Amino acid sequence: MRIAIVGGGISGTSAALHAVRKNYQVSLFEASKDIGGKVRSFFDSQSGENIDNGQHALMGAYTEFLNICNLLATYRYIYEPKKLSIAFASPGNPIATLEQKIFKGKYGTLLGLFDFQAIDKYSKYHIIKLFTKLMFLNINSLDTCFDFLNNQKQTKQAIKYFWEPLILAVMNASIYDAPASILITVMKQAFLGNSYESKLLLPNVAIDNLIKPIGEYLNARNGKLHLSEAVQSIEKSRDKFLIDTSKDNYEFDKVIISVPPRRIQKILLIKSKLQDQIDILSEQMEYSPIISAYLWYDQYVDIPEIVAMTDTKTQWIFNRSKIIKEEKGKYPFSLTCTISAASEIEKLSNNEIVNLMHSEISSCFPQMKLAKLENSKVIRERNATPLFTKSNIKLRPKNLTDIPGLVIAGDWTDTGLPATIEGAALSGRLAAESL
C-alpha cells in the first residue's frame, strides 16, 4: 500500500517511521531542503559553529521522540545529566538550586524542594501538597494555569519563582492563558515520573543530527524522502489520492497531512468537514513567539548548565560550553538564552535584545562582567507554537478525519500535550496507527 506523508517536521518524521515499520510503501514530502520543520539547525559563519533555531530541551518522559532517536540510532547525541538540577537566579539574590536529592525521580524532586531556597516553607508545603495530589488523583481542570494554581492554594511566591518559569518553558504561554489541563498532564508524565522520565535531556550536537538519518532509514525499507518538493494540491479520484507537487504528479492509497492548518487550507481540495474544521481553527488559533539568542564571549565563565531566570525578561540560560560536544568554533565560551511568549520583546531590535540579556545575566552572575561579549545571534520564531488557551483548546482536532484514507498529524492536533517536540512525535505515531 502506497502512503504519502506531507510535511517533514517531527510529526511527519514520526508518522513515516511508524508507517514504514508497518510495511507500507512510504513517500515523505518536505518543501524545504532539510528535514525537521520547526526543529532545525544551521551553520553560523561568524562563530564557526552549527547552531539550532533556539535551545531545544527534552525530558526522559519524551518517550515518542526518544523512540525516534533510538530507531535512527541517534540517541548517542543526547546529553543526559545524572539528575535533575536547575539553578534559579534573580538580580541581587543568591543562586537557588532545585535538584533531586538522595533518590532519583519524583521522590528525589520532592525532597529537593525542601532545600530549594528561592521560596519559603509555606510555599514549599503547598507545592509538595499539590505534587502529591497529582501523583494519586486524576484531576480534570477547565481553568487557566493561574486560576488552577490559585484554587490549589499556591502562594504568589510559589507561582512567580517556581510555576511560572516552568509553564513558560513547557507551554510557551502566559500562566493567564495556558490551560491547566495540559500542565497537569506534563507534571504527571515528566516531573512526577520515574527516575528516567524526570530527567532533563539536551542535544549535545546540532539538533537536526537527531533526525537526519530518516532518508536512509526509509530507503532501506522501500520508502523515499522527497526534499525540496512542495505539495501543491491533494485531490481524490474514486479510491485514490492525487497529489501534485512542485516536481511531479503522484497517486497514493492513503495520505497523512502533517503541516500547519493554514497550509492545509491551501493544498487540500477535497470538500469535507475537515475543511470546515480547519477554517474555524485557523481563524481562532493564534501563535506564540519564542526569541532565542546565542552569546559568545572571549573567556570561559563558570556558571551552571541550566538556569531559570526570574525578575528578568530573560527566562532561561543554557551554558553551551558545558553541554555541546561538537568541535568548538572560534570563541571559548557561549550561552543560549530564551524568552518564551515573547510578544512584548519581539518589538525590540536585535541589539536591544542582546544588550538586555547580557545585562540581566551579569546582574545575576557578577563574574560575567569579566568576560567580553564578542558576538551574538538573535533568532526570532514568530510562530513557534500554537497558543492554546482555555477557549480554543477544544478546537484541537483528532487524527482521524471524515475523508476515508486521510489522517492529519502535528503538534496542534489533540494529543493532550503542549505543542512540543514530544506532542508532534506522538501525533505522528497516532496518525500512522490510524491508517
Protein backbone atom coordinates (compact mmCIF):
# COMPACT_ATOMS: atom_id res chain seq x y z
CA MET A 1 0.00 0.00 0.00
CA ARG A 2 1.40 3.40 -1.02
CA ILE A 3 1.30 6.11 1.65
CA ALA A 4 2.09 9.82 1.17
CA ILE A 5 3.17 11.88 4.16
CA VAL A 6 3.03 15.61 3.55
CA GLY A 7 5.43 17.59 5.75
CA GLY A 8 8.82 16.56 7.09
CA GLY A 9 8.68 18.06 10.57
CA ILE A 10 8.81 15.93 13.71
CA SER A 11 5.22 14.72 13.31
CA GLY A 12 5.81 13.78 9.66
CA THR A 13 9.10 12.06 10.51
CA SER A 14 7.39 10.12 13.30
CA ALA A 15 4.50 9.14 11.03
CA ALA A 16 6.92 7.97 8.32
CA LEU A 17 8.91 5.82 10.76
CA HIS A 18 5.83 4.13 12.17
CA ALA A 19 4.18 3.69 8.76
CA VAL A 20 7.23 2.13 7.11
CA ARG A 21 7.60 -0.26 10.05
CA LYS A 22 4.07 -1.46 9.25
CA ASN A 23 5.40 -2.38 5.78
CA TYR A 24 3.69 0.49 3.96
CA GLN A 25 5.50 1.97 0.97
CA VAL A 26 6.09 5.48 2.29
CA SER A 27 6.87 8.71 0.42
CA LEU A 28 7.71 11.61 2.74
CA PHE A 29 7.45 15.06 1.09
CA GLU A 30 9.21 18.12 2.54
CA ALA A 31 9.10 21.52 0.82
CA SER A 32 12.43 22.73 2.19
CA LYS A 33 15.89 21.27 1.57
CA ASP A 34 16.15 19.98 5.13
CA ILE A 35 14.12 17.69 7.34
CA GLY A 36 12.84 18.83 10.74
CA GLY A 37 10.35 21.68 10.25
CA LYS A 38 10.48 23.83 13.40
CA VAL A 39 13.38 21.76 14.69
CA ARG A 40 16.36 22.72 12.59
CA SER A 41 20.00 23.78 12.67
CA PHE A 42 22.29 25.87 10.50
CA PHE A 43 25.93 26.88 10.25
CA ASP A 44 26.78 30.30 11.67
CA SER A 45 29.81 31.59 9.78
CA GLN A 46 30.70 34.29 12.31
CA SER A 47 31.12 31.87 15.20
CA GLY A 48 32.15 28.88 13.11
CA GLU A 49 29.53 26.72 14.85
CA ASN A 50 26.42 24.78 13.96
CA ILE A 51 23.57 26.26 15.96
CA ASP A 52 19.89 25.43 16.39
CA ASN A 53 16.92 27.72 15.81
CA GLY A 54 16.76 28.10 19.57
CA GLN A 55 17.50 25.86 22.54
CA HIS A 56 15.55 22.60 22.35
CA ALA A 57 15.23 20.78 25.68
CA LEU A 58 13.89 17.25 26.11
CA MET A 59 12.84 15.12 29.06
CA GLY A 60 13.06 11.42 29.74
CA ALA A 61 9.26 11.41 29.54
CA TYR A 62 9.54 12.24 25.82
CA THR A 63 9.11 8.56 25.02
CA GLU A 64 7.81 9.12 21.48
CA PHE A 65 10.63 11.39 20.36
CA LEU A 66 13.30 9.34 22.09
CA ASN A 67 11.91 6.28 20.32
CA ILE A 68 12.59 8.10 17.03
CA CYS A 69 16.17 8.71 18.16
CA ASN A 70 16.58 5.06 19.09
CA LEU A 71 15.20 3.87 15.75
CA LEU A 72 17.55 6.23 13.89
CA ALA A 73 20.50 5.36 16.17
CA THR A 74 20.98 8.98 17.19
CA TYR A 75 20.31 8.76 20.93
CA ARG A 76 24.09 8.97 21.44
CA TYR A 77 23.82 12.66 20.54
CA ILE A 78 21.75 13.43 23.64
CA TYR A 79 23.40 14.75 26.81
CA GLU A 80 21.98 13.06 29.89
CA PRO A 81 22.77 14.75 33.24
CA LYS A 82 22.90 12.37 36.19
CA LYS A 83 19.99 14.09 37.89
CA LEU A 84 17.61 16.99 37.50
CA SER A 85 19.41 20.18 38.54
CA ILE A 86 18.20 23.69 37.72
CA ALA A 87 19.71 26.88 39.12
CA PHE A 88 17.22 29.71 39.77
CA ALA A 89 18.67 33.21 39.52
CA SER A 90 17.33 36.71 40.01
CA PRO A 91 19.20 40.04 40.15
CA GLY A 92 20.80 40.77 43.53
CA ASN A 93 19.79 37.42 45.08
CA PRO A 94 21.86 34.31 45.79
CA ILE A 95 21.52 31.40 43.36
CA ALA A 96 18.99 28.79 44.49
CA THR A 97 19.26 25.29 43.03
CA LEU A 98 16.42 22.82 42.63
CA GLU A 99 17.88 19.35 42.30
CA GLN A 100 16.92 15.78 43.04
CA LYS A 101 18.13 14.67 46.46
CA ILE A 102 19.09 11.13 47.57
CA PHE A 103 16.52 9.45 45.27
CA LYS A 104 16.10 9.84 41.55
CA GLY A 105 12.68 10.57 40.02
CA LYS A 106 9.68 12.14 41.73
CA TYR A 107 10.72 11.38 45.31
CA GLY A 108 14.11 12.95 44.74
CA THR A 109 12.40 16.02 43.25
CA LEU A 110 10.06 16.33 46.24
CA LEU A 111 12.99 16.03 48.65
CA GLY A 112 14.87 18.61 46.61
CA LEU A 113 12.05 21.08 47.13
CA PHE A 114 12.72 21.08 50.88
CA ASP A 115 16.20 22.54 50.22
CA PHE A 116 15.05 24.95 47.50
CA GLN A 117 15.98 28.38 48.87
CA ALA A 118 14.08 30.59 46.42
CA ILE A 119 10.76 30.15 48.24
CA ASP A 120 9.63 29.99 51.87
CA LYS A 121 8.48 26.92 53.81
CA TYR A 122 4.80 27.75 53.48
CA SER A 123 5.08 27.93 49.67
CA LYS A 124 7.07 24.68 49.59
CA TYR A 125 4.41 22.93 51.65
CA HIS A 126 1.67 23.85 49.17
CA ILE A 127 3.81 22.92 46.13
CA ILE A 128 4.55 19.49 47.63
CA LYS A 129 0.90 19.06 48.60
CA LEU A 130 -0.18 19.74 45.00
CA PHE A 131 2.52 17.40 43.63
CA THR A 132 1.26 14.67 45.97
CA LYS A 133 -2.32 15.24 44.88
CA LEU A 134 -1.33 15.00 41.22
CA MET A 135 0.51 11.72 41.86
CA PHE A 136 -2.57 9.91 43.12
CA LEU A 137 -5.55 11.66 41.55
CA ASN A 138 -6.85 12.26 38.05
CA ILE A 139 -7.60 15.95 38.04
CA ASN A 140 -9.50 17.43 35.13
CA SER A 141 -9.46 21.21 35.00
CA LEU A 142 -11.01 23.70 32.62
CA ASP A 143 -9.17 26.57 34.33
CA THR A 144 -6.18 28.54 33.17
CA CYS A 145 -2.95 27.65 34.94
CA PHE A 146 -3.19 30.80 37.07
CA ASP A 147 -6.74 30.02 38.23
CA PHE A 148 -5.89 26.38 38.87
CA LEU A 149 -2.80 27.24 40.93
CA ASN A 150 -4.76 29.82 42.93
CA ASN A 151 -7.50 27.27 43.61
CA GLN A 152 -4.82 24.85 44.79
CA LYS A 153 -3.60 27.45 47.31
CA GLN A 154 -0.28 28.10 45.61
CA THR A 155 1.27 31.27 47.02
CA LYS A 156 2.28 34.28 44.94
CA GLN A 157 5.90 33.40 45.68
CA ALA A 158 5.44 29.79 44.53
CA ILE A 159 3.73 30.91 41.34
CA LYS A 160 6.34 33.56 40.49
CA TYR A 161 9.52 31.67 41.36
CA PHE A 162 8.55 28.07 40.65
CA TRP A 163 5.45 27.56 38.50
CA GLU A 164 5.73 30.47 36.07
CA PRO A 165 9.24 29.63 34.72
CA LEU A 166 8.08 26.04 34.28
CA ILE A 167 4.89 26.94 32.43
CA LEU A 168 6.62 29.40 30.11
CA ALA A 169 9.26 26.82 29.19
CA VAL A 170 6.88 23.91 28.64
CA MET A 171 3.86 25.65 27.12
CA ASN A 172 5.24 28.88 25.61
CA ALA A 173 2.27 30.73 27.05
CA SER A 174 1.46 33.04 29.92
CA ILE A 175 0.04 31.43 33.06
CA TYR A 176 -3.05 33.57 32.44
CA ASP A 177 -3.63 31.91 29.03
CA ALA A 178 -2.25 28.38 29.31
CA PRO A 179 -4.81 25.64 30.06
CA ALA A 180 -4.26 23.86 33.35
CA SER A 181 -5.24 20.50 31.83
CA ILE A 182 -2.02 20.47 29.78
CA LEU A 183 0.10 21.50 32.77
CA ILE A 184 -1.35 18.64 34.83
CA THR A 185 -0.56 16.11 32.09
CA VAL A 186 3.02 17.34 31.75
CA MET A 187 3.64 17.35 35.51
CA LYS A 188 2.35 13.80 35.90
CA GLN A 189 4.33 12.43 32.96
CA ALA A 190 7.61 14.25 33.49
CA PHE A 191 8.34 15.77 36.87
CA LEU A 192 6.35 13.12 38.73
CA GLY A 193 7.53 10.25 36.56
CA ASN A 194 10.14 7.61 37.29
CA SER A 195 13.85 8.31 37.59
CA TYR A 196 14.39 8.35 33.84
CA GLU A 197 11.21 10.22 32.88
CA SER A 198 12.06 13.11 35.18
CA LYS A 199 15.49 13.67 33.61
CA LEU A 200 16.12 16.84 31.65
CA LEU A 201 17.92 15.91 28.43
CA LEU A 202 19.71 18.17 25.97
CA PRO A 203 21.06 17.52 22.46
CA ASN A 204 24.84 17.89 22.61
CA VAL A 205 25.13 18.41 18.85
CA ALA A 206 23.10 20.40 16.34
CA ILE A 207 19.59 19.03 16.81
CA ASP A 208 18.97 18.15 13.17
CA ASN A 209 21.54 15.35 13.62
CA LEU A 210 18.89 13.52 15.65
CA ILE A 211 16.60 13.06 12.65
CA LYS A 212 18.91 13.36 9.62
CA PRO A 213 19.13 9.58 9.06
CA ILE A 214 15.40 9.37 8.20
CA GLY A 215 16.17 9.34 4.46
CA GLU A 216 18.50 6.35 4.75
CA TYR A 217 16.04 4.60 7.07
CA LEU A 218 13.21 4.96 4.55
CA ASN A 219 15.36 3.97 1.57
CA ALA A 220 16.34 0.73 3.30
CA ARG A 221 12.64 -0.14 3.72
CA ASN A 222 11.21 0.62 0.29
CA GLY A 223 10.39 4.23 1.20
CA LYS A 224 11.63 7.58 -0.06
CA LEU A 225 12.32 11.05 1.29
CA HIS A 226 11.47 13.85 -1.17
CA LEU A 227 13.32 17.01 -0.10
CA SER A 228 12.73 20.39 -1.79
CA GLU A 229 9.47 19.06 -3.18
CA ALA A 230 6.44 21.08 -2.09
CA VAL A 231 2.99 19.50 -2.25
CA GLN A 232 0.74 21.93 -4.13
CA SER A 233 -2.60 20.10 -4.11
CA ILE A 234 -4.30 16.98 -2.78
CA GLU A 235 -7.38 15.66 -4.53
CA LYS A 236 -9.23 12.34 -4.59
CA SER A 237 -10.47 10.30 -7.53
CA ARG A 238 -12.52 7.29 -6.51
CA ASP A 239 -10.34 5.44 -4.00
CA LYS A 240 -7.02 7.08 -4.92
CA PHE A 241 -5.40 10.32 -3.76
CA LEU A 242 -3.90 12.51 -6.47
CA ILE A 243 -1.01 14.65 -5.29
CA ASP A 244 0.62 17.37 -7.37
CA THR A 245 4.00 18.66 -6.22
CA SER A 246 6.49 21.21 -7.46
CA LYS A 247 8.23 18.39 -9.35
CA ASP A 248 5.72 15.69 -10.33
CA ASN A 249 2.27 14.13 -10.03
CA TYR A 250 1.61 11.06 -7.87
CA GLU A 251 -1.10 8.61 -6.92
CA PHE A 252 -1.41 7.14 -3.41
CA ASP A 253 -3.72 4.84 -1.49
CA LYS A 254 -3.64 6.86 1.74
CA VAL A 255 -2.33 10.22 2.95
CA ILE A 256 -1.08 11.72 6.21
CA ILE A 257 -1.04 15.53 6.19
CA SER A 258 1.50 16.83 8.67
CA VAL A 259 1.63 20.58 8.04
CA PRO A 260 0.09 23.59 9.88
CA PRO A 261 -3.64 24.30 9.47
CA ARG A 262 -3.12 27.32 7.19
CA ARG A 263 -1.08 25.21 4.83
CA ILE A 264 -3.81 22.56 4.75
CA GLN A 265 -6.28 25.24 3.69
CA LYS A 266 -4.18 25.89 0.59
CA ILE A 267 -3.44 22.36 -0.57
CA LEU A 268 -6.48 20.25 0.37
CA LEU A 269 -9.01 20.38 -2.48
CA ILE A 270 -11.40 17.72 -1.16
CA LYS A 271 -14.70 19.08 0.14
CA SER A 272 -15.14 17.79 3.67
CA LYS A 273 -15.96 18.52 7.29
CA LEU A 274 -12.21 18.62 7.82
CA GLN A 275 -12.01 21.74 5.66
CA ASP A 276 -14.65 23.44 7.82
CA GLN A 277 -12.81 22.35 10.98
CA ILE A 278 -9.51 23.71 9.69
CA ASP A 279 -11.11 27.00 8.64
CA ILE A 280 -12.50 27.57 12.15
CA LEU A 281 -9.22 26.54 13.78
CA SER A 282 -7.16 28.82 11.53
CA GLU A 283 -9.46 31.74 12.26
CA GLN A 284 -9.32 31.33 16.03
CA MET A 285 -5.82 29.99 16.61
CA GLU A 286 -3.06 32.45 17.46
CA TYR A 287 0.64 31.67 17.68
CA SER A 288 3.14 32.43 20.40
CA PRO A 289 6.69 33.59 19.57
CA ILE A 290 9.98 32.46 21.10
CA ILE A 291 13.10 34.60 20.94
CA SER A 292 16.49 32.97 21.41
CA ALA A 293 19.95 34.50 21.42
CA TYR A 294 23.38 32.95 21.20
CA LEU A 295 26.01 34.95 23.07
CA TRP A 296 29.73 34.31 22.53
CA TYR A 297 32.41 35.59 24.96
CA ASP A 298 36.17 35.96 24.91
CA GLN A 299 36.76 33.82 28.02
CA TYR A 300 35.12 30.99 29.91
CA VAL A 301 32.93 31.81 32.91
CA ASP A 302 31.79 29.05 35.26
CA ILE A 303 28.01 29.29 35.55
CA PRO A 304 25.53 26.39 35.89
CA GLU A 305 24.46 24.31 32.89
CA ILE A 306 20.79 25.31 33.14
CA VAL A 307 19.49 28.49 34.74
CA ALA A 308 15.90 29.66 35.23
CA MET A 309 15.76 33.46 35.49
CA THR A 310 13.16 35.39 37.49
CA ASP A 311 12.51 39.14 37.82
CA THR A 312 14.05 39.48 34.35
CA LYS A 313 12.83 39.42 30.76
CA THR A 314 15.33 36.63 30.01
CA GLN A 315 13.79 33.38 31.19
CA TRP A 316 16.31 30.58 30.62
CA ILE A 317 20.08 30.33 30.12
CA PHE A 318 21.94 27.26 28.87
CA ASN A 319 25.70 27.03 29.23
CA ARG A 320 26.58 25.62 25.81
CA SER A 321 30.22 25.23 26.76
CA LYS A 322 29.21 22.52 29.24
CA ILE A 323 26.61 20.87 27.01
CA ILE A 324 27.75 20.89 23.38
CA LYS A 325 30.25 18.19 22.44
CA GLU A 326 30.81 19.17 18.80
CA GLU A 327 34.03 20.81 17.69
CA LYS A 328 34.05 24.33 19.05
CA GLY A 329 34.16 27.45 16.92
CA LYS A 330 36.34 30.50 17.41
CA TYR A 331 35.02 31.58 20.84
CA PRO A 332 35.89 29.88 24.16
CA PHE A 333 32.52 30.42 25.87
CA SER A 334 28.90 30.61 24.71
CA LEU A 335 25.42 30.79 26.17
CA THR A 336 21.95 30.31 24.74
CA CYS A 337 19.19 32.49 26.20
CA THR A 338 15.47 32.10 25.59
CA ILE A 339 12.33 34.16 26.09
CA SER A 340 9.00 32.36 25.59
CA ALA A 341 5.65 34.04 24.93
CA ALA A 342 7.84 36.88 23.64
CA SER A 343 5.28 39.18 22.03
CA GLU A 344 6.46 42.19 24.02
CA ILE A 345 10.20 41.58 23.49
CA GLU A 346 9.67 40.96 19.78
CA LYS A 347 9.29 44.73 19.31
CA LEU A 348 12.93 45.31 20.28
CA SER A 349 15.82 45.35 17.82
CA ASN A 350 18.38 42.54 17.85
CA ASN A 351 20.96 44.79 19.52
CA GLU A 352 18.47 45.80 22.20
CA ILE A 353 17.63 42.15 22.90
CA VAL A 354 21.30 41.16 23.16
CA ASN A 355 22.13 44.10 25.44
CA LEU A 356 19.12 43.31 27.62
CA MET A 357 20.08 39.66 28.01
CA HIS A 358 23.76 40.38 28.65
CA SER A 359 22.87 42.98 31.26
CA GLU A 360 20.39 40.68 33.04
CA ILE A 361 22.82 37.75 33.08
CA SER A 362 25.55 39.99 34.51
CA SER A 363 23.18 41.23 37.22
CA CYS A 364 22.62 37.62 38.33
CA PHE A 365 26.18 36.38 37.80
CA PRO A 366 28.66 39.22 38.58
CA GLN A 367 31.56 37.07 37.30
CA MET A 368 30.15 37.56 33.79
CA LYS A 369 31.43 41.15 33.91
CA LEU A 370 34.97 39.76 33.50
CA ALA A 371 34.10 38.40 30.05
CA LYS A 372 33.71 40.47 26.90
CA LEU A 373 30.75 39.82 24.63
CA GLU A 374 32.34 39.21 21.23
CA ASN A 375 29.48 38.03 19.04
CA SER A 376 25.75 37.32 19.12
CA LYS A 377 22.95 35.84 17.05
CA VAL A 378 19.25 36.53 17.67
CA ILE A 379 16.68 34.06 16.36
CA ARG A 380 13.03 35.03 16.20
CA GLU A 381 10.49 32.22 15.85
CA ARG A 382 7.35 34.33 15.44
CA ASN A 383 5.02 31.32 15.03
CA ALA A 384 6.95 28.99 17.31
CA THR A 385 3.92 27.21 18.76
CA PRO A 386 0.13 27.43 18.65
CA LEU A 387 -1.17 29.46 21.57
CA PHE A 388 -3.53 27.05 23.30
CA THR A 389 -5.98 28.75 25.62
CA LYS A 390 -8.92 27.76 27.77
CA SER A 391 -11.29 28.79 24.97
CA ASN A 392 -9.60 27.32 21.86
CA ILE A 393 -8.14 24.07 23.20
CA LYS A 394 -11.39 22.25 22.40
CA LEU A 395 -10.79 23.03 18.70
CA ARG A 396 -7.75 20.74 18.51
CA PRO A 397 -8.78 18.00 16.04
CA LYS A 398 -8.26 14.27 16.29
CA ASN A 399 -6.04 12.47 13.77
CA LEU A 400 -8.91 10.73 12.01
CA THR A 401 -10.89 12.81 9.52
CA ASP A 402 -14.15 12.37 7.62
CA ILE A 403 -12.15 11.71 4.43
CA PRO A 404 -11.56 7.94 4.21
CA GLY A 405 -7.85 7.20 3.97
CA LEU A 406 -6.71 10.69 5.01
CA VAL A 407 -5.45 11.50 8.53
CA ILE A 408 -3.72 14.54 9.99
CA ALA A 409 -0.76 14.99 12.33
CA GLY A 410 1.00 17.89 14.03
CA ASP A 411 1.73 19.42 17.41
CA TRP A 412 -1.57 21.31 17.02
CA THR A 413 -3.72 18.15 16.96
CA ASP A 414 -5.43 16.74 20.05
CA THR A 415 -2.66 14.85 21.83
CA GLY A 416 -3.35 16.20 25.32
CA LEU A 417 0.21 17.56 25.31
CA PRO A 418 1.57 21.05 24.66
CA ALA A 419 2.92 21.91 21.21
CA THR A 420 6.34 20.41 21.91
CA ILE A 421 8.64 18.00 20.10
CA GLU A 422 7.02 15.19 22.08
CA GLY A 423 3.49 16.29 21.17
CA ALA A 424 4.46 16.32 17.49
CA ALA A 425 6.10 12.88 17.70
CA LEU A 426 3.06 11.43 19.46
CA SER A 427 0.66 12.81 16.86
CA GLY A 428 2.75 11.23 14.09
CA ARG A 429 2.56 7.80 15.67
CA LEU A 430 -1.19 8.14 16.28
CA ALA A 431 -1.67 9.17 12.65
CA ALA A 432 0.26 6.15 11.35
CA GLU A 433 -1.74 3.85 13.59
CA SER A 434 -4.97 5.37 12.23
CA LEU A 435 -4.26 4.38 8.62
